């Protein structure tokens, strides 16, 4: 259930970019060209069951000054579903991201990664630190709070079908309400429309349910490596801004403290009244990202 590639067409502030993975999957990214010039480009990477729509607000803001690429990982959004669910792991996604950057001729970028995208950022920076001027890590760390991981395991790939948008909004609110206690009805509708696509008038989640297979035993499958501290330490050569939701059940406050102890140059900001994960358009997050990116060279 993904949209087949068609002719490249402009979207609001972005153009469609299609490319092929090393194993032949047709993958998709949004390309916000920005105004041109020498400003450092940014690659944004979403969370486990999300897609490029999560970054629509942030990307439009950043694209006023720089080029922004927002990837959709295999099995999400408009990217093809993988016939082999064993490939739904961060190591595979990282390979796809390097291919995306190489195909676009982007030798050096900043990374912005939400949740799973943050884990990918650690892996990418550890592998090739010279390619990344800095990274914004959104609500994830080398240790994942077991409570949050259990919550994700309960719903990803297991949601029953819905029959209409009202039902989709109610289900989205039930799952995510604890993370966004101040959302209005309009906020929940917008949030839900980022998670679903409409097929024959019916909302359908915009991801392959098989992505959940890697979460059944995430350490065994590699979806979450058993010890990410060595990867974090290797990535710490790259300037890092960590954003945490005050109500997060994925990134504990004490984990951020220990990240700072191991990387004294790490910057951190907390977004009040938000759980996992901040949308990065909150004033505290947006201000911190703008200041951080402006310093990178």
C-alpha atoms as a PDB file:
ATOM      1  CA  UNK A   1       0.000   0.000   0.000  1.00  0.00           C
ATOM      2  CA  UNK A   2       2.328   2.687  -1.214  1.00  0.00           C
ATOM      3  CA  UNK A   3       2.017   5.221  -3.968  1.00  0.00           C
ATOM      4  CA  UNK A   4       3.758   4.173  -7.145  1.00  0.00           C
ATOM      5  CA  UNK A   5       6.309   6.625  -8.532  1.00  0.00           C
ATOM      6  CA  UNK A   6       4.945   9.032 -11.074  1.00  0.00           C
ATOM      7  CA  UNK A   7       6.361  12.021 -12.905  1.00  0.00           C
ATOM      8  CA  UNK A   8       8.262  14.361 -10.657  1.00  0.00           C
ATOM      9  CA  UNK A   9       5.902  17.117  -9.624  1.00  0.00           C
ATOM     10  CA  UNK A  10       6.196  20.118  -7.330  1.00  0.00           C
ATOM     11  CA  UNK A  11       4.641  20.041  -3.878  1.00  0.00           C
ATOM     12  CA  UNK A  12       4.186  22.876  -1.406  1.00  0.00           C
ATOM     13  CA  UNK A  13       7.773  24.148  -1.030  1.00  0.00           C
ATOM     14  CA  UNK A  14       9.289  20.834  -2.141  1.00  0.00           C
ATOM     15  CA  UNK A  15       9.800  18.597  -5.145  1.00  0.00           C
ATOM     16  CA  UNK A  16       9.547  14.827  -5.252  1.00  0.00           C
ATOM     17  CA  UNK A  17      12.769  12.849  -5.432  1.00  0.00           C
ATOM     18  CA  UNK A  18      12.762   9.162  -6.346  1.00  0.00           C
ATOM     19  CA  UNK A  19      15.782   6.869  -6.190  1.00  0.00           C
ATOM     20  CA  UNK A  20      16.542   3.150  -6.100  1.00  0.00           C
ATOM     21  CA  UNK A  21      18.047   1.321  -3.141  1.00  0.00           C
ATOM     22  CA  UNK A  22      20.968  -1.051  -3.592  1.00  0.00           C
ATOM     23  CA  UNK A  23      18.516  -3.973  -3.506  1.00  0.00           C
ATOM     24  CA  UNK A  24      16.149  -2.459  -6.035  1.00  0.00           C
ATOM     25  CA  UNK A  25      13.422  -0.777  -3.961  1.00  0.00           C
ATOM     26  CA  UNK A  26      11.972   2.491  -5.224  1.00  0.00           C
ATOM     27  CA  UNK A  27      12.449   5.014  -2.429  1.00  0.00           C
ATOM     28  CA  UNK A  28      11.159   8.541  -1.952  1.00  0.00           C
ATOM     29  CA  UNK A  29      12.279  11.796  -0.371  1.00  0.00           C
ATOM     30  CA  UNK A  30      11.022  15.357  -0.289  1.00  0.00           C
ATOM     31  CA  UNK A  31      13.557  17.870  -1.579  1.00  0.00           C
ATOM     32  CA  UNK A  32      13.104  21.449  -0.355  1.00  0.00           C
ATOM     33  CA  UNK A  33      15.574  23.346  -2.569  1.00  0.00           C
ATOM     34  CA  UNK A  34      15.900  26.461  -0.432  1.00  0.00           C
ATOM     35  CA  UNK A  35      17.199  29.761  -1.818  1.00  0.00           C
ATOM     36  CA  UNK A  36      20.519  28.379  -3.087  1.00  0.00           C
ATOM     37  CA  UNK A  37      23.847  29.631  -1.838  1.00  0.00           C
ATOM     38  CA  UNK A  38      26.372  28.037   0.467  1.00  0.00           C
ATOM     39  CA  UNK A  39      24.199  27.271   3.501  1.00  0.00           C
ATOM     40  CA  UNK A  40      24.719  23.784   4.871  1.00  0.00           C
ATOM     41  CA  UNK A  41      22.049  21.324   3.645  1.00  0.00           C
ATOM     42  CA  UNK A  42      20.049  19.245   6.127  1.00  0.00           C
ATOM     43  CA  UNK A  43      18.850  15.643   5.968  1.00  0.00           C
ATOM     44  CA  UNK A  44      15.793  14.878   8.131  1.00  0.00           C
ATOM     45  CA  UNK A  45      14.944  11.305   9.165  1.00  0.00           C
ATOM     46  CA  UNK A  46      11.657  10.285  10.775  1.00  0.00           C
ATOM     47  CA  UNK A  47      10.672   7.801  13.474  1.00  0.00           C
ATOM     48  CA  UNK A  48       9.697   4.150  13.302  1.00  0.00           C
ATOM     49  CA  UNK A  49       6.159   4.357  11.909  1.00  0.00           C
ATOM     50  CA  UNK A  50       6.234   7.906  10.586  1.00  0.00           C
ATOM     51  CA  UNK A  51       6.997   9.584   7.268  1.00  0.00           C
ATOM     52  CA  UNK A  52       8.171  12.843   5.704  1.00  0.00           C
ATOM     53  CA  UNK A  53       4.984  14.704   6.656  1.00  0.00           C
ATOM     54  CA  UNK A  54       6.267  14.895  10.238  1.00  0.00           C
ATOM     55  CA  UNK A  55       8.876  17.421   9.117  1.00  0.00           C
ATOM     56  CA  UNK A  56       6.612  19.575   6.928  1.00  0.00           C
ATOM     57  CA  UNK A  57       6.600  22.522   9.331  1.00  0.00           C
ATOM     58  CA  UNK A  58      10.273  22.364  10.260  1.00  0.00           C
ATOM     59  CA  UNK A  59      11.438  21.792   6.679  1.00  0.00           C
ATOM     60  CA  UNK A  60       9.451  24.729   5.320  1.00  0.00           C
ATOM     61  CA  UNK A  61      10.998  26.916   8.033  1.00  0.00           C
ATOM     62  CA  UNK A  62      14.569  25.741   7.446  1.00  0.00           C
ATOM     63  CA  UNK A  63      14.215  25.916   3.646  1.00  0.00           C
ATOM     64  CA  UNK A  64      14.044  29.676   3.863  1.00  0.00           C
ATOM     65  CA  UNK A  65      17.823  29.544   4.318  1.00  0.00           C
ATOM     66  CA  UNK A  66      19.051  26.122   3.183  1.00  0.00           C
ATOM     67  CA  UNK A  67      18.278  22.996   1.205  1.00  0.00           C
ATOM     68  CA  UNK A  68      16.373  20.359   3.191  1.00  0.00           C
ATOM     69  CA  UNK A  69      15.999  16.695   2.252  1.00  0.00           C
ATOM     70  CA  UNK A  70      13.331  14.710   4.102  1.00  0.00           C
ATOM     71  CA  UNK A  71      13.652  10.973   3.551  1.00  0.00           C
ATOM     72  CA  UNK A  72      10.961   8.320   3.763  1.00  0.00           C
ATOM     73  CA  UNK A  73      12.434   5.019   4.834  1.00  0.00           C
ATOM     74  CA  UNK A  74      11.520   1.834   3.001  1.00  0.00           C
ATOM     75  CA  UNK A  75       8.063   0.646   4.006  1.00  0.00           C
ATOM     76  CA  UNK A  76       6.858   4.145   4.910  1.00  0.00           C
ATOM     77  CA  UNK A  77       4.970   6.843   3.070  1.00  0.00           C
ATOM     78  CA  UNK A  78       5.578   6.725  -0.659  1.00  0.00           C
ATOM     79  CA  UNK A  79       8.653   4.486  -0.435  1.00  0.00           C
ATOM     80  CA  UNK A  80       8.197   0.876  -1.537  1.00  0.00           C
ATOM     81  CA  UNK A  81       7.460  -1.875   0.926  1.00  0.00           C
ATOM     82  CA  UNK A  82      10.259  -4.402   1.347  1.00  0.00           C
ATOM     83  CA  UNK A  83       9.310  -8.000   0.460  1.00  0.00           C
ATOM     84  CA  UNK A  84      11.840  -9.116   3.073  1.00  0.00           C
ATOM     85  CA  UNK A  85      10.820  -7.676   6.479  1.00  0.00           C
ATOM     86  CA  UNK A  86      14.239  -8.653   7.844  1.00  0.00           C
ATOM     87  CA  UNK A  87      15.540  -5.565   6.012  1.00  0.00           C
ATOM     88  CA  UNK A  88      13.509  -3.258   8.224  1.00  0.00           C
ATOM     89  CA  UNK A  89      16.460  -2.353  10.457  1.00  0.00           C
ATOM     90  CA  UNK A  90      18.419   0.870  11.049  1.00  0.00           C
ATOM     91  CA  UNK A  91      21.551  -0.564   9.433  1.00  0.00           C
ATOM     92  CA  UNK A  92      19.648  -1.046   6.164  1.00  0.00           C
ATOM     93  CA  UNK A  93      18.068   2.398   6.396  1.00  0.00           C
ATOM     94  CA  UNK A  94      21.502   3.935   6.942  1.00  0.00           C
ATOM     95  CA  UNK A  95      22.746   2.326   3.722  1.00  0.00           C
ATOM     96  CA  UNK A  96      19.743   3.843   1.942  1.00  0.00           C
ATOM     97  CA  UNK A  97      20.552   7.270   3.378  1.00  0.00           C
ATOM     98  CA  UNK A  98      24.155   7.240   2.208  1.00  0.00           C
ATOM     99  CA  UNK A  99      22.892   6.241  -1.243  1.00  0.00           C
ATOM    100  CA  UNK A 100      20.393   9.112  -1.166  1.00  0.00           C
ATOM    101  CA  UNK A 101      23.081  11.654  -0.237  1.00  0.00           C
ATOM    102  CA  UNK A 102      25.515  10.311  -2.838  1.00  0.00           C
ATOM    103  CA  UNK A 103      22.857  10.407  -5.546  1.00  0.00           C
ATOM    104  CA  UNK A 104      22.091  14.037  -4.734  1.00  0.00           C
ATOM    105  CA  UNK A 105      25.779  14.935  -4.691  1.00  0.00           C
ATOM    106  CA  UNK A 106      25.633  16.040  -1.052  1.00  0.00           C
ATOM    107  CA  UNK A 107      29.043  15.395   0.456  1.00  0.00           C
ATOM    108  CA  UNK A 108      28.451  17.121   3.797  1.00  0.00           C
ATOM    109  CA  UNK A 109      25.173  17.840   5.601  1.00  0.00           C
ATOM    110  CA  UNK A 110      23.632  18.273   9.030  1.00  0.00           C
ATOM    111  CA  UNK A 111      21.369  15.511  10.298  1.00  0.00           C
ATOM    112  CA  UNK A 112      18.049  15.881  12.093  1.00  0.00           C
ATOM    113  CA  UNK A 113      16.734  12.570  13.380  1.00  0.00           C
ATOM    114  CA  UNK A 114      13.570  11.867  15.341  1.00  0.00           C
ATOM    115  CA  UNK A 115      13.512   8.694  17.440  1.00  0.00           C
ATOM    116  CA  UNK A 116      14.616   5.933  15.023  1.00  0.00           C
ATOM    117  CA  UNK A 117      16.035   8.690  12.825  1.00  0.00           C
ATOM    118  CA  UNK A 118      18.181   9.745  15.771  1.00  0.00           C
ATOM    119  CA  UNK A 119      19.543   6.221  16.146  1.00  0.00           C
ATOM    120  CA  UNK A 120      20.334   6.316  12.439  1.00  0.00           C
ATOM    121  CA  UNK A 121      22.139   9.616  12.970  1.00  0.00           C
ATOM    122  CA  UNK A 122      24.373   8.022  15.604  1.00  0.00           C
ATOM    123  CA  UNK A 123      25.217   5.168  13.241  1.00  0.00           C
ATOM    124  CA  UNK A 124      25.884   7.460  10.279  1.00  0.00           C
ATOM    125  CA  UNK A 125      28.089   9.836  12.267  1.00  0.00           C
ATOM    126  CA  UNK A 126      30.028   6.930  13.744  1.00  0.00           C
ATOM    127  CA  UNK A 127      30.640   5.499  10.261  1.00  0.00           C
ATOM    128  CA  UNK A 128      31.550   8.698   8.440  1.00  0.00           C
ATOM    129  CA  UNK A 129      31.976  11.656  10.818  1.00  0.00           C
ATOM    130  CA  UNK A 130      33.609  13.776   8.120  1.00  0.00           C
ATOM    131  CA  UNK A 131      30.332  13.878   6.181  1.00  0.00           C
ATOM    132  CA  UNK A 132      28.273  15.453   8.960  1.00  0.00           C
ATOM    133  CA  UNK A 133      28.727  18.959  10.272  1.00  0.00           C
ATOM    134  CA  UNK A 134      26.346  18.369  13.161  1.00  0.00           C
ATOM    135  CA  UNK A 135      23.240  16.501  14.212  1.00  0.00           C
ATOM    136  CA  UNK A 136      20.000  17.245  16.012  1.00  0.00           C
ATOM    137  CA  UNK A 137      18.838  14.199  17.964  1.00  0.00           C
ATOM    138  CA  UNK A 138      15.135  14.308  18.758  1.00  0.00           C
ATOM    139  CA  UNK A 139      14.022  12.393  21.845  1.00  0.00           C
ATOM    140  CA  UNK A 140      16.255   9.343  21.639  1.00  0.00           C
ATOM    141  CA  UNK A 141      19.511   8.285  23.219  1.00  0.00           C
ATOM    142  CA  UNK A 142      21.916   5.373  23.689  1.00  0.00           C
ATOM    143  CA  UNK A 143      19.443   3.907  26.189  1.00  0.00           C
ATOM    144  CA  UNK A 144      15.738   3.542  25.475  1.00  0.00           C
ATOM    145  CA  UNK A 145      13.315   3.634  28.371  1.00  0.00           C
ATOM    146  CA  UNK A 146      11.679   0.160  28.569  1.00  0.00           C
ATOM    147  CA  UNK A 147       8.259   1.693  29.278  1.00  0.00           C
ATOM    148  CA  UNK A 148       8.265   3.631  26.027  1.00  0.00           C
ATOM    149  CA  UNK A 149       9.604   0.703  24.050  1.00  0.00           C
ATOM    150  CA  UNK A 150       6.812  -1.520  25.406  1.00  0.00           C
ATOM    151  CA  UNK A 151       4.228   1.117  24.453  1.00  0.00           C
ATOM    152  CA  UNK A 152       5.500   1.212  20.870  1.00  0.00           C
ATOM    153  CA  UNK A 153       5.531  -2.578  20.648  1.00  0.00           C
ATOM    154  CA  UNK A 154       1.869  -2.643  21.657  1.00  0.00           C
ATOM    155  CA  UNK A 155       0.607  -0.645  18.683  1.00  0.00           C
ATOM    156  CA  UNK A 156       3.049  -0.568  15.738  1.00  0.00           C
ATOM    157  CA  UNK A 157       1.760  -2.899  13.052  1.00  0.00           C
ATOM    158  CA  UNK A 158      -1.136  -4.022  15.264  1.00  0.00           C
ATOM    159  CA  UNK A 159      -3.725  -1.274  14.852  1.00  0.00           C
ATOM    160  CA  UNK A 160      -7.010  -2.582  13.439  1.00  0.00           C
ATOM    161  CA  UNK A 161      -8.316  -0.901  10.275  1.00  0.00           C
ATOM    162  CA  UNK A 162     -10.475   2.195  10.658  1.00  0.00           C
ATOM    163  CA  UNK A 163     -13.555   3.069   8.643  1.00  0.00           C
ATOM    164  CA  UNK A 164     -13.287   6.864   8.524  1.00  0.00           C
ATOM    165  CA  UNK A 165     -11.349   9.908   9.625  1.00  0.00           C
ATOM    166  CA  UNK A 166     -13.232  10.354  12.901  1.00  0.00           C
ATOM    167  CA  UNK A 167     -12.236   6.847  13.927  1.00  0.00           C
ATOM    168  CA  UNK A 168      -8.655   7.423  12.773  1.00  0.00           C
ATOM    169  CA  UNK A 169      -8.413  10.606  14.846  1.00  0.00           C
ATOM    170  CA  UNK A 170      -9.848   8.850  17.904  1.00  0.00           C
ATOM    171  CA  UNK A 171      -7.332   6.002  17.577  1.00  0.00           C
ATOM    172  CA  UNK A 172      -4.428   8.414  17.075  1.00  0.00           C
ATOM    173  CA  UNK A 173      -5.489  10.402  20.106  1.00  0.00           C
ATOM    174  CA  UNK A 174      -5.811   7.255  22.217  1.00  0.00           C
ATOM    175  CA  UNK A 175      -2.250   6.191  21.370  1.00  0.00           C
ATOM    176  CA  UNK A 176      -0.525   9.574  21.473  1.00  0.00           C
ATOM    177  CA  UNK A 177      -2.641  11.609  23.891  1.00  0.00           C
ATOM    178  CA  UNK A 178      -0.195  11.195  26.758  1.00  0.00           C
ATOM    179  CA  UNK A 179       2.534  12.831  24.655  1.00  0.00           C
ATOM    180  CA  UNK A 180       0.513  15.870  23.585  1.00  0.00           C
ATOM    181  CA  UNK A 181      -1.869  16.765  26.419  1.00  0.00           C
ATOM    182  CA  UNK A 182      -2.459  20.297  25.114  1.00  0.00           C
ATOM    183  CA  UNK A 183      -3.453  19.395  21.546  1.00  0.00           C
ATOM    184  CA  UNK A 184      -6.729  20.785  20.217  1.00  0.00           C
ATOM    185  CA  UNK A 185      -9.170  18.909  17.983  1.00  0.00           C
ATOM    186  CA  UNK A 186      -7.625  20.663  14.976  1.00  0.00           C
ATOM    187  CA  UNK A 187      -4.147  19.590  16.090  1.00  0.00           C
ATOM    188  CA  UNK A 188      -5.244  15.962  16.351  1.00  0.00           C
ATOM    189  CA  UNK A 189      -6.807  16.021  12.893  1.00  0.00           C
ATOM    190  CA  UNK A 190      -3.608  17.451  11.380  1.00  0.00           C
ATOM    191  CA  UNK A 191      -1.500  14.931  13.302  1.00  0.00           C
ATOM    192  CA  UNK A 192      -3.676  12.057  12.095  1.00  0.00           C
ATOM    193  CA  UNK A 193      -3.548  13.167   8.471  1.00  0.00           C
ATOM    194  CA  UNK A 194       0.238  12.894   8.660  1.00  0.00           C
ATOM    195  CA  UNK A 195      -0.061   9.241   9.697  1.00  0.00           C
ATOM    196  CA  UNK A 196      -2.673   8.011   7.218  1.00  0.00           C
ATOM    197  CA  UNK A 197      -3.266   8.070   3.484  1.00  0.00           C
ATOM    198  CA  UNK A 198      -6.721   7.834   1.958  1.00  0.00           C
ATOM    199  CA  UNK A 199      -7.522   4.840  -0.216  1.00  0.00           C
ATOM    200  CA  UNK A 200     -10.990   4.623  -1.764  1.00  0.00           C
ATOM    201  CA  UNK A 201     -12.173   7.171   0.770  1.00  0.00           C
ATOM    202  CA  UNK A 202     -10.865   5.190   3.767  1.00  0.00           C
ATOM    203  CA  UNK A 203      -7.844   6.205   5.897  1.00  0.00           C
ATOM    204  CA  UNK A 204      -5.040   3.624   5.855  1.00  0.00           C
ATOM    205  CA  UNK A 205      -1.858   3.860   7.929  1.00  0.00           C
ATOM    206  CA  UNK A 206       1.028   4.973   5.722  1.00  0.00           C
ATOM    207  CA  UNK A 207       3.423   2.178   6.586  1.00  0.00           C
ATOM    208  CA  UNK A 208       3.953  -1.525   6.032  1.00  0.00           C
ATOM    209  CA  UNK A 209       2.715  -3.403   9.146  1.00  0.00           C
ATOM    210  CA  UNK A 210       5.729  -5.697   8.734  1.00  0.00           C
ATOM    211  CA  UNK A 211       8.016  -2.967  10.113  1.00  0.00           C
ATOM    212  CA  UNK A 212       6.830  -4.216  13.513  1.00  0.00           C
ATOM    213  CA  UNK A 213       8.605  -7.547  13.061  1.00  0.00           C
ATOM    214  CA  UNK A 214      11.910  -5.969  14.043  1.00  0.00           C
ATOM    215  CA  UNK A 215      10.313  -4.716  17.272  1.00  0.00           C
ATOM    216  CA  UNK A 216       9.209  -8.146  18.503  1.00  0.00           C
ATOM    217  CA  UNK A 217      12.719  -8.710  19.874  1.00  0.00           C
ATOM    218  CA  UNK A 218      14.521  -5.501  18.913  1.00  0.00           C
ATOM    219  CA  UNK A 219      17.928  -6.492  20.262  1.00  0.00           C
ATOM    220  CA  UNK A 220      17.914  -9.819  18.428  1.00  0.00           C
ATOM    221  CA  UNK A 221      16.808  -8.285  15.114  1.00  0.00           C
ATOM    222  CA  UNK A 222      19.056  -5.233  15.375  1.00  0.00           C
ATOM    223  CA  UNK A 223      16.144  -2.773  15.430  1.00  0.00           C
ATOM    224  CA  UNK A 224      17.611  -1.535  18.708  1.00  0.00           C
ATOM    225  CA  UNK A 225      21.225  -2.652  19.330  1.00  0.00           C
ATOM    226  CA  UNK A 226      21.821  -3.962  22.863  1.00  0.00           C
ATOM    227  CA  UNK A 227      24.395  -1.288  23.750  1.00  0.00           C
ATOM    228  CA  UNK A 228      24.460   1.970  21.844  1.00  0.00           C
ATOM    229  CA  UNK A 229      26.929   3.772  24.115  1.00  0.00           C
ATOM    230  CA  UNK A 230      29.960   2.796  21.987  1.00  0.00           C
ATOM    231  CA  UNK A 231      28.134   4.107  18.886  1.00  0.00           C
ATOM    232  CA  UNK A 232      27.264   7.312  20.734  1.00  0.00           C
ATOM    233  CA  UNK A 233      30.879   7.740  21.819  1.00  0.00           C
ATOM    234  CA  UNK A 234      32.064   7.303  18.229  1.00  0.00           C
ATOM    235  CA  UNK A 235      29.454   9.782  16.985  1.00  0.00           C
ATOM    236  CA  UNK A 236      30.338  12.369  19.637  1.00  0.00           C
ATOM    237  CA  UNK A 237      33.076  13.758  17.404  1.00  0.00           C
ATOM    238  CA  UNK A 238      30.217  15.413  15.512  1.00  0.00           C
ATOM    239  CA  UNK A 239      28.551  18.438  17.201  1.00  0.00           C
ATOM    240  CA  UNK A 240      25.254  17.350  18.712  1.00  0.00           C
ATOM    241  CA  UNK A 241      22.052  18.991  19.930  1.00  0.00           C
ATOM    242  CA  UNK A 242      19.670  16.745  21.878  1.00  0.00           C
ATOM    243  CA  UNK A 243      16.021  17.721  22.151  1.00  0.00           C
ATOM    244  CA  UNK A 244      13.909  15.965  24.771  1.00  0.00           C
ATOM    245  CA  UNK A 245      10.198  16.115  25.419  1.00  0.00           C
ATOM    246  CA  UNK A 246       9.558  16.834  29.089  1.00  0.00           C
ATOM    247  CA  UNK A 247       7.005  13.981  29.220  1.00  0.00           C
ATOM    248  CA  UNK A 248       9.044  11.536  27.148  1.00  0.00           C
ATOM    249  CA  UNK A 249       8.816   7.836  27.991  1.00  0.00           C
ATOM    250  CA  UNK A 250      11.613   7.004  25.501  1.00  0.00           C
ATOM    251  CA  UNK A 251      14.467   9.342  26.481  1.00  0.00           C
ATOM    252  CA  UNK A 252      14.952   9.656  30.238  1.00  0.00           C
ATOM    253  CA  UNK A 253      16.312  12.897  31.659  1.00  0.00           C
ATOM    254  CA  UNK A 254      19.159  11.050  33.393  1.00  0.00           C
ATOM    255  CA  UNK A 255      20.192   9.551  30.043  1.00  0.00           C
ATOM    256  CA  UNK A 256      20.623  13.083  28.661  1.00  0.00           C
ATOM    257  CA  UNK A 257      22.736  13.926  31.709  1.00  0.00           C
ATOM    258  CA  UNK A 258      25.019  10.950  31.076  1.00  0.00           C
ATOM    259  CA  UNK A 259      25.257  11.811  27.380  1.00  0.00           C
ATOM    260  CA  UNK A 260      26.524  15.232  28.421  1.00  0.00           C
ATOM    261  CA  UNK A 261      29.054  13.695  30.809  1.00  0.00           C
ATOM    262  CA  UNK A 262      30.507  11.622  27.968  1.00  0.00           C
ATOM    263  CA  UNK A 263      30.303  14.469  25.455  1.00  0.00           C
ATOM    264  CA  UNK A 264      31.008  17.766  27.260  1.00  0.00           C
ATOM    265  CA  UNK A 265      30.236  19.740  24.081  1.00  0.00           C
ATOM    266  CA  UNK A 266      26.732  18.279  23.787  1.00  0.00           C
ATOM    267  CA  UNK A 267      23.892  20.791  23.840  1.00  0.00           C
ATOM    268  CA  UNK A 268      20.471  19.891  25.179  1.00  0.00           C
ATOM    269  CA  UNK A 269      17.055  21.517  25.368  1.00  0.00           C
ATOM    270  CA  UNK A 270      13.798  20.264  26.865  1.00  0.00           C
ATOM    271  CA  UNK A 271      10.392  20.986  25.340  1.00  0.00           C
ATOM    272  CA  UNK A 272       7.752  21.455  28.066  1.00  0.00           C
ATOM    273  CA  UNK A 273       4.391  19.676  28.061  1.00  0.00           C
ATOM    274  CA  UNK A 274       5.380  17.319  25.225  1.00  0.00           C
ATOM    275  CA  UNK A 275       6.241  13.618  25.254  1.00  0.00           C
ATOM    276  CA  UNK A 276       7.675  11.368  22.561  1.00  0.00           C
ATOM    277  CA  UNK A 277       8.464  13.009  20.314  1.00  0.00           C
ATOM    278  CA  UNK A 278       8.520  16.789  19.898  1.00  0.00           C
ATOM    279  CA  UNK A 279       7.417  17.934  16.436  1.00  0.00           C
ATOM    280  CA  UNK A 280      10.387  20.371  16.386  1.00  0.00           C
ATOM    281  CA  UNK A 281       8.127  23.307  15.576  1.00  0.00           C
ATOM    282  CA  UNK A 282       7.683  24.107  19.265  1.00  0.00           C
ATOM    283  CA  UNK A 283       9.284  27.505  20.046  1.00  0.00           C
ATOM    284  CA  UNK A 284      11.945  25.997  22.329  1.00  0.00           C
ATOM    285  CA  UNK A 285      12.944  23.387  19.754  1.00  0.00           C
ATOM    286  CA  UNK A 286      12.841  25.711  16.759  1.00  0.00           C
ATOM    287  CA  UNK A 287      14.939  28.363  18.469  1.00  0.00           C
ATOM    288  CA  UNK A 288      17.563  25.820  19.551  1.00  0.00           C
ATOM    289  CA  UNK A 289      17.747  24.269  16.068  1.00  0.00           C
ATOM    290  CA  UNK A 290      18.133  27.646  14.364  1.00  0.00           C
ATOM    291  CA  UNK A 291      20.966  28.688  16.681  1.00  0.00           C
ATOM    292  CA  UNK A 292      22.687  25.295  16.405  1.00  0.00           C
ATOM    293  CA  UNK A 293      22.565  25.122  12.608  1.00  0.00           C
ATOM    294  CA  UNK A 294      23.728  28.722  12.248  1.00  0.00           C
ATOM    295  CA  UNK A 295      26.997  27.841  14.010  1.00  0.00           C
ATOM    296  CA  UNK A 296      27.825  24.840  11.854  1.00  0.00           C
ATOM    297  CA  UNK A 297      30.341  25.118   9.034  1.00  0.00           C
END
